[in-house]
Amino acid sequence: MARARSAVADLREACVGEAMAVIEQSGVEALSLREVARRLGVSHQAPYKHYPSRDHLLAEVVRRIFDGFARHLDDRPATDDPHSDLSAIGSAYLAYASAHPLQYRLMFATPLPDPAGHPDMMRSAQHAFAILGRAIARIQAMSVPAGGERLAQLDALYVWATVHGLASIMQSPAVGTLGLPGTVHQSMQCHAMARLHLALSAPPPEDALP
C-alpha cells in the first residue's frame, strides 16, 4: 500500500515537472495532458487521475511558482524603516524576474486558468500583493494618516506597475537598441525606486482619499 501511495505521489510530481519542461521547451501553448503522458511514458489517461484537465495542471504549476515568488519576497532583508523595506521589496522583485524569467512570464504575461475555478493558484499571488500593500500602508502612516485602505491599494498598484514595467524593460533587448550610456542602464533601478519614494511622499490626489 505504501508503495502504491508513493507511485501516485511520484506521478503527480512528475506531471508538474514535465509540464514545466514542455512550457520551457515549446511554450505554454504546447502543454497538454497527452503530451505530458507521452513524455513520461505512461498511459495518456494516467495524468487525468491527478489533474482533471490541462488547466488544472497549469494551475498547479503556476501555484507553485507564485509560492516561490512569495517566499522570495518574504525572505527579503528585514528592516524597520518603511522606505527601506519598500526598496527591499522592489529589489527582491527585480532579482526574481531576472533570475527566473520563464516563471516570471508565466505569472504575469501568460493567460492563466480561471482564478475562480482554481483559488489556490492565486492565494500566494494575493499574499505577495499584501506584502506590498503593508509596506505602502507603513509609508502612508508617516505622512497620510487618513489615507485608508483604498489609497494603500491604489499606491500598491502604482508601485507594482512601475516595478513590473522596469522588470519587463530590463528583460527586453529593445532597451539595448536605444544607445543609452552604460551608466544609465546601471542606474535604472535605483533611479526608479528613488522616484517612487518621492511620489509616495507627496500628498495624494483628492479623489484617492476616502
N, C-alpha and C. Protein backbone atom coordinates (compact mmCIF):
# COMPACT_ATOMS: atom_id res chain seq x y z
N MET A 1 0.82 -1.21 0.00
CA MET A 1 0.00 0.00 0.00
C MET A 1 0.87 1.27 0.00
N ALA A 2 1.95 1.23 0.82
CA ALA A 2 2.84 2.39 0.86
C ALA A 2 3.48 2.63 -0.49
N ARG A 3 3.87 1.56 -1.18
CA ARG A 3 4.48 1.71 -2.49
C ARG A 3 3.49 2.30 -3.48
N ALA A 4 2.21 1.90 -3.37
CA ALA A 4 1.18 2.43 -4.26
C ALA A 4 1.00 3.93 -4.04
N ARG A 5 0.96 4.35 -2.76
CA ARG A 5 0.82 5.78 -2.47
C ARG A 5 2.02 6.55 -2.99
N SER A 6 3.21 5.94 -2.85
CA SER A 6 4.41 6.60 -3.35
C SER A 6 4.37 6.76 -4.86
N ALA A 7 3.87 5.73 -5.55
CA ALA A 7 3.78 5.80 -7.01
C ALA A 7 2.81 6.89 -7.45
N VAL A 8 1.70 7.03 -6.72
CA VAL A 8 0.73 8.07 -7.04
C VAL A 8 1.36 9.45 -6.86
N ALA A 9 2.04 9.63 -5.73
CA ALA A 9 2.70 10.92 -5.48
C ALA A 9 3.78 11.19 -6.50
N ASP A 10 4.52 10.17 -6.86
CA ASP A 10 5.59 10.34 -7.84
C ASP A 10 5.03 10.79 -9.19
N LEU A 11 3.92 10.18 -9.61
CA LEU A 11 3.33 10.55 -10.90
C LEU A 11 2.79 11.97 -10.84
N ARG A 12 2.17 12.34 -9.74
CA ARG A 12 1.65 13.70 -9.58
C ARG A 12 2.79 14.72 -9.72
N GLU A 13 3.89 14.44 -9.03
CA GLU A 13 5.04 15.34 -9.10
C GLU A 13 5.68 15.32 -10.48
N ALA A 14 5.75 14.15 -11.06
CA ALA A 14 6.36 14.03 -12.39
C ALA A 14 5.58 14.82 -13.42
N CYS A 15 4.26 14.84 -13.29
CA CYS A 15 3.43 15.60 -14.23
C CYS A 15 3.75 17.09 -14.14
N VAL A 16 3.93 17.59 -12.93
CA VAL A 16 4.25 19.01 -12.75
C VAL A 16 5.62 19.32 -13.36
N GLY A 17 6.59 18.48 -13.06
CA GLY A 17 7.93 18.70 -13.60
C GLY A 17 7.96 18.63 -15.12
N GLU A 18 7.23 17.68 -15.69
CA GLU A 18 7.23 17.54 -17.15
C GLU A 18 6.46 18.66 -17.80
N ALA A 19 5.40 19.13 -17.13
CA ALA A 19 4.65 20.27 -17.67
C ALA A 19 5.55 21.49 -17.77
N MET A 20 6.37 21.71 -16.74
CA MET A 20 7.29 22.84 -16.78
C MET A 20 8.31 22.68 -17.90
N ALA A 21 8.75 21.45 -18.13
CA ALA A 21 9.71 21.20 -19.20
C ALA A 21 9.08 21.47 -20.57
N VAL A 22 7.83 21.08 -20.74
CA VAL A 22 7.13 21.35 -22.01
C VAL A 22 7.04 22.85 -22.24
N ILE A 23 6.65 23.57 -21.20
CA ILE A 23 6.50 25.02 -21.33
C ILE A 23 7.83 25.67 -21.66
N GLU A 24 8.89 25.22 -20.99
CA GLU A 24 10.21 25.81 -21.22
C GLU A 24 10.71 25.54 -22.63
N GLN A 25 10.43 24.35 -23.16
CA GLN A 25 10.96 23.97 -24.46
C GLN A 25 10.09 24.43 -25.62
N SER A 26 8.75 24.42 -25.42
CA SER A 26 7.85 24.66 -26.55
C SER A 26 6.80 25.73 -26.31
N GLY A 27 6.78 26.31 -25.12
CA GLY A 27 5.79 27.34 -24.83
C GLY A 27 4.55 26.76 -24.17
N VAL A 28 3.82 27.62 -23.47
CA VAL A 28 2.65 27.15 -22.74
C VAL A 28 1.57 26.63 -23.67
N GLU A 29 1.56 27.11 -24.91
CA GLU A 29 0.54 26.65 -25.87
C GLU A 29 0.68 25.16 -26.17
N ALA A 30 1.89 24.62 -26.00
CA ALA A 30 2.12 23.20 -26.31
C ALA A 30 1.75 22.28 -25.16
N LEU A 31 1.39 22.83 -24.03
CA LEU A 31 1.09 21.99 -22.86
C LEU A 31 -0.24 21.27 -23.03
N SER A 32 -0.22 19.97 -22.84
CA SER A 32 -1.43 19.16 -22.81
C SER A 32 -1.15 17.94 -21.94
N LEU A 33 -2.19 17.36 -21.39
CA LEU A 33 -2.01 16.16 -20.58
C LEU A 33 -1.51 15.00 -21.44
N ARG A 34 -1.95 14.94 -22.67
CA ARG A 34 -1.49 13.87 -23.56
C ARG A 34 0.01 13.99 -23.82
N GLU A 35 0.49 15.23 -24.03
CA GLU A 35 1.92 15.42 -24.28
C GLU A 35 2.73 15.08 -23.03
N VAL A 36 2.23 15.46 -21.87
CA VAL A 36 2.92 15.13 -20.62
C VAL A 36 3.00 13.62 -20.45
N ALA A 37 1.89 12.93 -20.72
CA ALA A 37 1.87 11.47 -20.60
C ALA A 37 2.85 10.84 -21.58
N ARG A 38 2.88 11.35 -22.81
CA ARG A 38 3.79 10.79 -23.82
C ARG A 38 5.24 10.92 -23.37
N ARG A 39 5.59 12.08 -22.86
CA ARG A 39 6.96 12.31 -22.44
C ARG A 39 7.34 11.49 -21.22
N LEU A 40 6.35 11.19 -20.37
CA LEU A 40 6.62 10.39 -19.18
C LEU A 40 6.58 8.89 -19.47
N GLY A 41 6.07 8.53 -20.65
CA GLY A 41 5.99 7.11 -21.00
C GLY A 41 4.90 6.37 -20.25
N VAL A 42 3.80 7.07 -19.94
CA VAL A 42 2.68 6.43 -19.25
C VAL A 42 1.45 6.51 -20.14
N SER A 43 0.40 5.81 -19.74
CA SER A 43 -0.86 5.86 -20.47
C SER A 43 -1.35 7.29 -20.58
N HIS A 44 -1.97 7.63 -21.71
CA HIS A 44 -2.42 9.01 -21.88
C HIS A 44 -3.53 9.36 -20.89
N GLN A 45 -4.12 8.35 -20.26
CA GLN A 45 -5.14 8.60 -19.24
C GLN A 45 -4.56 8.79 -17.85
N ALA A 46 -3.31 8.38 -17.65
CA ALA A 46 -2.74 8.40 -16.30
C ALA A 46 -2.74 9.79 -15.64
N PRO A 47 -2.33 10.85 -16.35
CA PRO A 47 -2.33 12.16 -15.69
C PRO A 47 -3.72 12.63 -15.24
N TYR A 48 -4.76 12.15 -15.92
CA TYR A 48 -6.12 12.57 -15.58
C TYR A 48 -6.52 12.10 -14.18
N LYS A 49 -5.83 11.13 -13.63
CA LYS A 49 -6.14 10.66 -12.28
C LYS A 49 -5.81 11.73 -11.24
N HIS A 50 -4.90 12.64 -11.61
CA HIS A 50 -4.46 13.67 -10.68
C HIS A 50 -4.88 15.06 -11.12
N TYR A 51 -5.01 15.26 -12.43
CA TYR A 51 -5.36 16.57 -12.97
C TYR A 51 -6.50 16.39 -13.97
N PRO A 52 -7.71 16.81 -13.60
CA PRO A 52 -8.87 16.56 -14.46
C PRO A 52 -8.78 17.21 -15.84
N SER A 53 -7.95 18.23 -15.97
CA SER A 53 -7.83 18.92 -17.25
C SER A 53 -6.46 19.57 -17.36
N ARG A 54 -6.16 20.03 -18.54
CA ARG A 54 -4.91 20.75 -18.76
C ARG A 54 -4.85 21.99 -17.89
N ASP A 55 -5.97 22.67 -17.70
CA ASP A 55 -5.99 23.86 -16.86
C ASP A 55 -5.66 23.54 -15.41
N HIS A 56 -6.10 22.39 -14.93
CA HIS A 56 -5.77 22.01 -13.55
C HIS A 56 -4.27 21.80 -13.38
N LEU A 57 -3.64 21.20 -14.38
CA LEU A 57 -2.20 21.00 -14.31
C LEU A 57 -1.46 22.34 -14.39
N LEU A 58 -1.88 23.20 -15.32
CA LEU A 58 -1.24 24.51 -15.45
C LEU A 58 -1.44 25.33 -14.17
N ALA A 59 -2.63 25.24 -13.57
CA ALA A 59 -2.89 25.97 -12.34
C ALA A 59 -1.96 25.51 -11.22
N GLU A 60 -1.67 24.22 -11.17
CA GLU A 60 -0.76 23.71 -10.14
C GLU A 60 0.67 24.20 -10.39
N VAL A 61 1.07 24.23 -11.66
CA VAL A 61 2.40 24.75 -11.99
C VAL A 61 2.51 26.21 -11.55
N VAL A 62 1.51 27.00 -11.90
CA VAL A 62 1.54 28.43 -11.59
C VAL A 62 1.44 28.66 -10.08
N ARG A 63 0.64 27.83 -9.39
CA ARG A 63 0.53 27.96 -7.93
C ARG A 63 1.90 27.82 -7.29
N ARG A 64 2.65 26.83 -7.72
CA ARG A 64 3.97 26.61 -7.13
C ARG A 64 4.92 27.76 -7.45
N ILE A 65 4.78 28.32 -8.63
CA ILE A 65 5.62 29.46 -8.99
C ILE A 65 5.28 30.66 -8.10
N PHE A 66 4.00 30.93 -7.93
CA PHE A 66 3.60 32.02 -7.05
C PHE A 66 4.07 31.77 -5.62
N ASP A 67 4.02 30.52 -5.17
CA ASP A 67 4.53 30.18 -3.84
C ASP A 67 6.00 30.57 -3.71
N GLY A 68 6.79 30.18 -4.70
CA GLY A 68 8.22 30.51 -4.67
C GLY A 68 8.47 32.00 -4.73
N PHE A 69 7.67 32.70 -5.53
CA PHE A 69 7.81 34.15 -5.64
C PHE A 69 7.48 34.82 -4.31
N ALA A 70 6.39 34.38 -3.66
CA ALA A 70 6.01 34.97 -2.37
C ALA A 70 7.07 34.69 -1.32
N ARG A 71 7.63 33.47 -1.31
CA ARG A 71 8.70 33.17 -0.35
C ARG A 71 9.91 34.05 -0.59
N HIS A 72 10.20 34.29 -1.87
CA HIS A 72 11.34 35.14 -2.21
C HIS A 72 11.14 36.55 -1.65
N LEU A 73 9.94 37.09 -1.77
CA LEU A 73 9.67 38.41 -1.21
C LEU A 73 9.71 38.39 0.31
N ASP A 74 9.19 37.31 0.90
CA ASP A 74 9.21 37.20 2.37
C ASP A 74 10.64 37.13 2.91
N ASP A 75 11.55 36.59 2.12
CA ASP A 75 12.93 36.40 2.57
C ASP A 75 13.80 37.63 2.36
N ARG A 76 13.21 38.74 1.94
CA ARG A 76 13.99 39.97 1.73
C ARG A 76 14.63 40.40 3.06
N PRO A 77 15.70 41.18 3.03
CA PRO A 77 16.32 41.65 4.27
C PRO A 77 15.33 42.44 5.12
N ALA A 78 15.28 42.12 6.40
CA ALA A 78 14.34 42.78 7.31
C ALA A 78 14.84 44.18 7.66
N THR A 79 13.90 45.12 7.73
CA THR A 79 14.23 46.48 8.13
C THR A 79 13.00 47.12 8.75
N ASP A 80 13.23 48.01 9.71
CA ASP A 80 12.14 48.71 10.38
C ASP A 80 11.76 50.00 9.67
N ASP A 81 12.58 50.42 8.72
CA ASP A 81 12.29 51.66 8.01
C ASP A 81 11.37 51.38 6.82
N PRO A 82 10.18 52.00 6.76
CA PRO A 82 9.23 51.69 5.68
C PRO A 82 9.78 51.91 4.29
N HIS A 83 10.52 53.00 4.09
CA HIS A 83 11.07 53.26 2.75
C HIS A 83 12.14 52.23 2.38
N SER A 84 12.98 51.86 3.34
CA SER A 84 13.99 50.83 3.08
C SER A 84 13.32 49.49 2.79
N ASP A 85 12.23 49.23 3.48
CA ASP A 85 11.52 47.97 3.25
C ASP A 85 10.93 47.94 1.86
N LEU A 86 10.36 49.06 1.41
CA LEU A 86 9.81 49.11 0.05
C LEU A 86 10.92 48.91 -0.98
N SER A 87 12.08 49.50 -0.75
CA SER A 87 13.21 49.30 -1.66
C SER A 87 13.63 47.83 -1.68
N ALA A 88 13.60 47.19 -0.51
CA ALA A 88 13.96 45.77 -0.44
C ALA A 88 12.97 44.92 -1.21
N ILE A 89 11.69 45.27 -1.14
CA ILE A 89 10.67 44.55 -1.91
C ILE A 89 10.93 44.73 -3.40
N GLY A 90 11.19 45.98 -3.81
CA GLY A 90 11.46 46.23 -5.22
C GLY A 90 12.69 45.49 -5.71
N SER A 91 13.75 45.48 -4.92
CA SER A 91 14.97 44.76 -5.30
C SER A 91 14.72 43.26 -5.40
N ALA A 92 13.96 42.73 -4.43
CA ALA A 92 13.65 41.30 -4.46
C ALA A 92 12.81 40.94 -5.68
N TYR A 93 11.86 41.80 -6.00
CA TYR A 93 11.00 41.58 -7.18
C TYR A 93 11.84 41.54 -8.45
N LEU A 94 12.69 42.53 -8.61
CA LEU A 94 13.52 42.61 -9.82
C LEU A 94 14.53 41.46 -9.88
N ALA A 95 15.06 41.06 -8.73
CA ALA A 95 16.00 39.94 -8.71
C ALA A 95 15.32 38.65 -9.12
N TYR A 96 14.08 38.45 -8.65
CA TYR A 96 13.35 37.24 -9.04
C TYR A 96 13.09 37.25 -10.55
N ALA A 97 12.63 38.38 -11.08
CA ALA A 97 12.34 38.47 -12.50
C ALA A 97 13.58 38.18 -13.35
N SER A 98 14.74 38.65 -12.88
CA SER A 98 15.99 38.43 -13.61
C SER A 98 16.45 36.97 -13.52
N ALA A 99 16.31 36.37 -12.34
CA ALA A 99 16.80 35.01 -12.13
C ALA A 99 15.85 33.94 -12.67
N HIS A 100 14.56 34.27 -12.77
CA HIS A 100 13.56 33.29 -13.18
C HIS A 100 12.66 33.88 -14.26
N PRO A 101 13.20 34.19 -15.43
CA PRO A 101 12.40 34.86 -16.46
C PRO A 101 11.20 34.04 -16.94
N LEU A 102 11.35 32.72 -17.05
CA LEU A 102 10.23 31.90 -17.51
C LEU A 102 9.11 31.91 -16.48
N GLN A 103 9.46 31.71 -15.22
CA GLN A 103 8.45 31.72 -14.16
C GLN A 103 7.78 33.09 -14.07
N TYR A 104 8.56 34.13 -14.26
CA TYR A 104 8.01 35.48 -14.20
C TYR A 104 6.98 35.70 -15.31
N ARG A 105 7.32 35.22 -16.51
CA ARG A 105 6.38 35.38 -17.63
C ARG A 105 5.11 34.56 -17.39
N LEU A 106 5.25 33.38 -16.80
CA LEU A 106 4.07 32.57 -16.53
C LEU A 106 3.13 33.26 -15.54
N MET A 107 3.69 33.94 -14.56
CA MET A 107 2.85 34.63 -13.59
C MET A 107 2.16 35.85 -14.18
N PHE A 108 2.88 36.63 -14.97
CA PHE A 108 2.40 37.96 -15.31
C PHE A 108 2.22 38.23 -16.80
N ALA A 109 2.56 37.29 -17.66
CA ALA A 109 2.43 37.54 -19.10
C ALA A 109 1.84 36.35 -19.84
N THR A 110 1.08 35.52 -19.13
CA THR A 110 0.50 34.32 -19.72
C THR A 110 -0.98 34.24 -19.36
N PRO A 111 -1.86 33.93 -20.31
CA PRO A 111 -3.26 33.71 -19.95
C PRO A 111 -3.36 32.54 -18.96
N LEU A 112 -3.90 32.80 -17.79
CA LEU A 112 -3.97 31.79 -16.74
C LEU A 112 -5.34 31.14 -16.70
N PRO A 113 -5.42 29.94 -16.13
CA PRO A 113 -6.73 29.34 -15.90
C PRO A 113 -7.59 30.26 -15.04
N ASP A 114 -8.90 30.12 -15.15
CA ASP A 114 -9.84 30.97 -14.43
C ASP A 114 -9.56 30.92 -12.93
N PRO A 115 -9.17 32.04 -12.31
CA PRO A 115 -8.89 32.02 -10.87
C PRO A 115 -10.06 31.55 -10.02
N ALA A 116 -11.28 31.82 -10.49
CA ALA A 116 -12.45 31.38 -9.72
C ALA A 116 -12.52 29.87 -9.61
N GLY A 117 -12.01 29.18 -10.63
CA GLY A 117 -12.02 27.73 -10.60
C GLY A 117 -10.79 27.13 -9.97
N HIS A 118 -9.78 27.97 -9.69
CA HIS A 118 -8.52 27.49 -9.12
C HIS A 118 -8.05 28.48 -8.05
N PRO A 119 -8.78 28.60 -6.96
CA PRO A 119 -8.45 29.62 -5.95
C PRO A 119 -7.07 29.44 -5.35
N ASP A 120 -6.59 28.21 -5.22
CA ASP A 120 -5.26 28.00 -4.63
C ASP A 120 -4.17 28.64 -5.48
N MET A 121 -4.41 28.71 -6.79
CA MET A 121 -3.41 29.26 -7.68
C MET A 121 -3.08 30.70 -7.34
N MET A 122 -4.10 31.45 -6.90
CA MET A 122 -3.92 32.87 -6.69
C MET A 122 -3.64 33.25 -5.23
N ARG A 123 -3.67 32.27 -4.33
CA ARG A 123 -3.52 32.60 -2.92
C ARG A 123 -2.16 33.23 -2.63
N SER A 124 -1.12 32.66 -3.20
CA SER A 124 0.21 33.22 -2.97
C SER A 124 0.40 34.52 -3.73
N ALA A 125 -0.29 34.67 -4.86
CA ALA A 125 -0.23 35.94 -5.57
C ALA A 125 -0.84 37.04 -4.71
N GLN A 126 -1.94 36.73 -4.06
CA GLN A 126 -2.57 37.70 -3.16
C GLN A 126 -1.68 37.99 -1.96
N HIS A 127 -0.97 36.97 -1.50
CA HIS A 127 -0.04 37.17 -0.38
C HIS A 127 1.07 38.13 -0.79
N ALA A 128 1.60 37.95 -2.00
CA ALA A 128 2.67 38.82 -2.48
C ALA A 128 2.17 40.26 -2.59
N PHE A 129 0.96 40.46 -3.07
CA PHE A 129 0.40 41.81 -3.19
C PHE A 129 0.18 42.40 -1.79
N ALA A 130 -0.22 41.56 -0.84
CA ALA A 130 -0.44 42.03 0.53
C ALA A 130 0.87 42.51 1.16
N ILE A 131 1.99 41.86 0.83
CA ILE A 131 3.30 42.31 1.33
C ILE A 131 3.54 43.75 0.88
N LEU A 132 3.27 44.00 -0.39
CA LEU A 132 3.46 45.35 -0.92
C LEU A 132 2.48 46.33 -0.27
N GLY A 133 1.22 45.89 -0.11
CA GLY A 133 0.22 46.76 0.49
C GLY A 133 0.58 47.18 1.90
N ARG A 134 1.13 46.25 2.69
CA ARG A 134 1.51 46.58 4.07
C ARG A 134 2.68 47.57 4.09
N ALA A 135 3.62 47.39 3.17
CA ALA A 135 4.74 48.33 3.10
C ALA A 135 4.26 49.73 2.74
N ILE A 136 3.32 49.81 1.81
CA ILE A 136 2.76 51.11 1.41
C ILE A 136 2.03 51.75 2.59
N ALA A 137 1.24 50.95 3.31
CA ALA A 137 0.48 51.48 4.44
C ALA A 137 1.42 52.06 5.51
N ARG A 138 2.57 51.43 5.70
CA ARG A 138 3.53 51.94 6.69
C ARG A 138 4.10 53.29 6.24
N ILE A 139 4.33 53.44 4.95
CA ILE A 139 4.83 54.72 4.44
C ILE A 139 3.76 55.78 4.59
N GLN A 140 2.52 55.44 4.26
CA GLN A 140 1.43 56.41 4.37
C GLN A 140 1.23 56.85 5.81
N ALA A 141 1.42 55.94 6.74
CA ALA A 141 1.21 56.28 8.15
C ALA A 141 2.16 57.37 8.62
N MET A 142 3.26 57.54 7.89
CA MET A 142 4.23 58.57 8.26
C MET A 142 3.79 59.96 7.81
N SER A 143 2.92 60.03 6.77
CA SER A 143 2.59 61.34 6.23
C SER A 143 1.11 61.52 5.90
N VAL A 144 0.39 60.40 5.71
CA VAL A 144 -1.03 60.49 5.34
C VAL A 144 -1.82 59.58 6.26
N PRO A 145 -1.97 59.95 7.52
CA PRO A 145 -2.63 59.06 8.47
C PRO A 145 -4.04 58.69 8.09
N ALA A 146 -4.73 59.58 7.34
CA ALA A 146 -6.13 59.31 6.98
C ALA A 146 -6.26 58.69 5.59
N GLY A 147 -5.15 58.18 5.07
CA GLY A 147 -5.20 57.68 3.70
C GLY A 147 -6.14 56.51 3.51
N GLY A 148 -6.13 55.58 4.46
CA GLY A 148 -7.06 54.47 4.39
C GLY A 148 -6.62 53.36 3.45
N GLU A 149 -7.40 52.27 3.48
CA GLU A 149 -7.07 51.09 2.70
C GLU A 149 -7.14 51.35 1.21
N ARG A 150 -8.08 52.17 0.77
CA ARG A 150 -8.22 52.43 -0.66
C ARG A 150 -6.97 53.07 -1.23
N LEU A 151 -6.44 54.07 -0.54
CA LEU A 151 -5.23 54.73 -1.01
C LEU A 151 -4.05 53.77 -1.01
N ALA A 152 -3.96 52.92 0.01
CA ALA A 152 -2.87 51.93 0.05
C ALA A 152 -2.95 50.99 -1.14
N GLN A 153 -4.15 50.59 -1.50
CA GLN A 153 -4.31 49.69 -2.64
C GLN A 153 -3.96 50.39 -3.95
N LEU A 154 -4.38 51.65 -4.09
CA LEU A 154 -4.06 52.40 -5.31
C LEU A 154 -2.55 52.60 -5.43
N ASP A 155 -1.92 52.97 -4.32
CA ASP A 155 -0.47 53.17 -4.37
C ASP A 155 0.27 51.85 -4.61
N ALA A 156 -0.24 50.75 -4.06
CA ALA A 156 0.39 49.45 -4.29
C ALA A 156 0.32 49.09 -5.77
N LEU A 157 -0.82 49.36 -6.41
CA LEU A 157 -0.94 49.10 -7.84
C LEU A 157 0.01 49.99 -8.64
N TYR A 158 0.16 51.23 -8.20
CA TYR A 158 1.09 52.16 -8.87
C TYR A 158 2.53 51.66 -8.77
N VAL A 159 2.92 51.23 -7.58
CA VAL A 159 4.28 50.72 -7.39
C VAL A 159 4.49 49.44 -8.19
N TRP A 160 3.51 48.54 -8.14
CA TRP A 160 3.61 47.29 -8.88
C TRP A 160 3.77 47.56 -10.37
N ALA A 161 2.93 48.47 -10.91
CA ALA A 161 3.01 48.79 -12.33
C ALA A 161 4.39 49.32 -12.70
N THR A 162 4.95 50.16 -11.83
CA THR A 162 6.27 50.74 -12.11
C THR A 162 7.36 49.68 -12.08
N VAL A 163 7.37 48.86 -11.03
CA VAL A 163 8.42 47.85 -10.90
C VAL A 163 8.26 46.76 -11.96
N HIS A 164 7.00 46.39 -12.24
CA HIS A 164 6.77 45.40 -13.31
C HIS A 164 7.26 45.94 -14.65
N GLY A 165 6.96 47.21 -14.92
CA GLY A 165 7.43 47.80 -16.17
C GLY A 165 8.95 47.82 -16.24
N LEU A 166 9.59 48.14 -15.12
CA LEU A 166 11.06 48.15 -15.10
C LEU A 166 11.61 46.75 -15.33
N ALA A 167 11.00 45.74 -14.68
CA ALA A 167 11.45 44.36 -14.88
C ALA A 167 11.32 43.95 -16.34
N SER A 168 10.22 44.34 -16.97
CA SER A 168 10.00 43.98 -18.37
C SER A 168 11.02 44.66 -19.28
N ILE A 169 11.31 45.92 -19.01
CA ILE A 169 12.29 46.66 -19.80
C ILE A 169 13.68 46.05 -19.64
N MET A 170 14.02 45.68 -18.41
CA MET A 170 15.35 45.13 -18.15
C MET A 170 15.53 43.77 -18.84
N GLN A 171 14.42 43.06 -19.10
CA GLN A 171 14.50 41.77 -19.77
C GLN A 171 14.42 41.90 -21.29
N SER A 172 14.01 43.06 -21.77
CA SER A 172 13.80 43.23 -23.20
C SER A 172 15.09 43.65 -23.91
N PRO A 173 15.36 43.06 -25.07
CA PRO A 173 16.54 43.50 -25.83
C PRO A 173 16.35 44.89 -26.43
N ALA A 174 15.10 45.38 -26.46
CA ALA A 174 14.83 46.67 -27.10
C ALA A 174 15.57 47.80 -26.43
N VAL A 175 15.71 47.74 -25.09
CA VAL A 175 16.37 48.84 -24.39
C VAL A 175 17.83 48.97 -24.82
N GLY A 176 18.41 47.86 -25.26
CA GLY A 176 19.80 47.90 -25.70
C GLY A 176 19.99 48.59 -27.04
N THR A 177 18.90 48.82 -27.77
CA THR A 177 18.99 49.48 -29.08
C THR A 177 18.88 50.99 -28.99
N LEU A 178 18.69 51.53 -27.78
CA LEU A 178 18.46 52.96 -27.63
C LEU A 178 19.75 53.78 -27.59
N GLY A 179 20.88 53.11 -27.47
CA GLY A 179 22.14 53.83 -27.45
C GLY A 179 22.37 54.61 -26.17
N LEU A 180 21.75 54.16 -25.08
CA LEU A 180 21.93 54.87 -23.81
C LEU A 180 23.28 54.52 -23.19
N PRO A 181 23.87 55.46 -22.46
CA PRO A 181 25.16 55.17 -21.81
C PRO A 181 25.02 54.03 -20.80
N GLY A 182 26.09 53.33 -20.57
CA GLY A 182 26.08 52.24 -19.61
C GLY A 182 25.70 52.70 -18.22
N THR A 183 26.06 53.94 -17.88
CA THR A 183 25.73 54.45 -16.54
C THR A 183 24.22 54.59 -16.36
N VAL A 184 23.50 54.85 -17.44
CA VAL A 184 22.04 54.95 -17.37
C VAL A 184 21.45 53.57 -17.08
N HIS A 185 21.92 52.55 -17.79
CA HIS A 185 21.46 51.18 -17.53
C HIS A 185 21.73 50.79 -16.08
N GLN A 186 22.90 51.14 -15.60
CA GLN A 186 23.28 50.74 -14.24
C GLN A 186 22.44 51.46 -13.18
N SER A 187 21.93 52.63 -13.52
CA SER A 187 21.21 53.44 -12.53
C SER A 187 19.69 53.30 -12.62
N MET A 188 19.19 52.54 -13.59
CA MET A 188 17.75 52.46 -13.80
C MET A 188 16.99 52.08 -12.54
N GLN A 189 17.45 51.03 -11.88
CA GLN A 189 16.72 50.52 -10.73
C GLN A 189 16.72 51.52 -9.57
N CYS A 190 17.88 52.03 -9.23
CA CYS A 190 17.97 52.98 -8.11
C CYS A 190 17.17 54.24 -8.42
N HIS A 191 17.24 54.70 -9.67
CA HIS A 191 16.52 55.92 -10.05
C HIS A 191 15.02 55.70 -9.94
N ALA A 192 14.52 54.56 -10.42
CA ALA A 192 13.08 54.28 -10.37
C ALA A 192 12.60 54.21 -8.93
N MET A 193 13.36 53.53 -8.06
CA MET A 193 12.94 53.42 -6.67
C MET A 193 12.97 54.77 -5.98
N ALA A 194 13.97 55.61 -6.28
CA ALA A 194 14.04 56.94 -5.68
C ALA A 194 12.84 57.78 -6.09
N ARG A 195 12.46 57.68 -7.36
CA ARG A 195 11.29 58.41 -7.85
C ARG A 195 10.01 57.91 -7.19
N LEU A 196 9.93 56.62 -6.97
CA LEU A 196 8.76 56.07 -6.29
C LEU A 196 8.64 56.62 -4.87
N HIS A 197 9.76 56.68 -4.18
CA HIS A 197 9.73 57.20 -2.81
C HIS A 197 9.27 58.66 -2.80
N LEU A 198 9.73 59.45 -3.78
CA LEU A 198 9.29 60.85 -3.86
C LEU A 198 7.79 60.93 -4.12
N ALA A 199 7.31 60.09 -5.02
CA ALA A 199 5.88 60.11 -5.36
C ALA A 199 5.03 59.71 -4.15
N LEU A 200 5.47 58.71 -3.42
CA LEU A 200 4.70 58.25 -2.27
C LEU A 200 4.74 59.23 -1.11
N SER A 201 5.75 60.07 -1.09
CA SER A 201 5.86 61.05 -0.03
C SER A 201 5.05 62.31 -0.32
N ALA A 202 4.62 62.47 -1.56
CA ALA A 202 3.83 63.65 -1.94
C ALA A 202 2.38 63.47 -1.51
N PRO A 203 1.64 64.58 -1.32
CA PRO A 203 0.22 64.48 -0.98
C PRO A 203 -0.54 63.72 -2.08
N PRO A 204 -1.43 62.82 -1.72
CA PRO A 204 -2.17 62.06 -2.73
C PRO A 204 -3.23 62.91 -3.40
N PRO A 205 -3.66 62.54 -4.61
CA PRO A 205 -4.78 63.24 -5.24
C PRO A 205 -6.03 63.16 -4.37
N GLU A 206 -6.83 64.20 -4.42
CA GLU A 206 -8.02 64.24 -3.56
C GLU A 206 -8.97 63.08 -3.84
N ASP A 207 -9.06 62.68 -5.11
CA ASP A 207 -10.02 61.63 -5.43
C ASP A 207 -9.53 60.25 -4.96
N ALA A 208 -8.29 60.17 -4.47
CA ALA A 208 -7.78 58.90 -3.95
C ALA A 208 -8.07 58.75 -2.45
N LEU A 209 -8.44 59.85 -1.79
CA LEU A 209 -8.71 59.81 -0.36
C LEU A 209 -10.12 59.32 -0.09
N PRO A 210 -10.35 58.76 1.10
CA PRO A 210 -11.69 58.28 1.45
C PRO A 210 -12.72 59.41 1.40
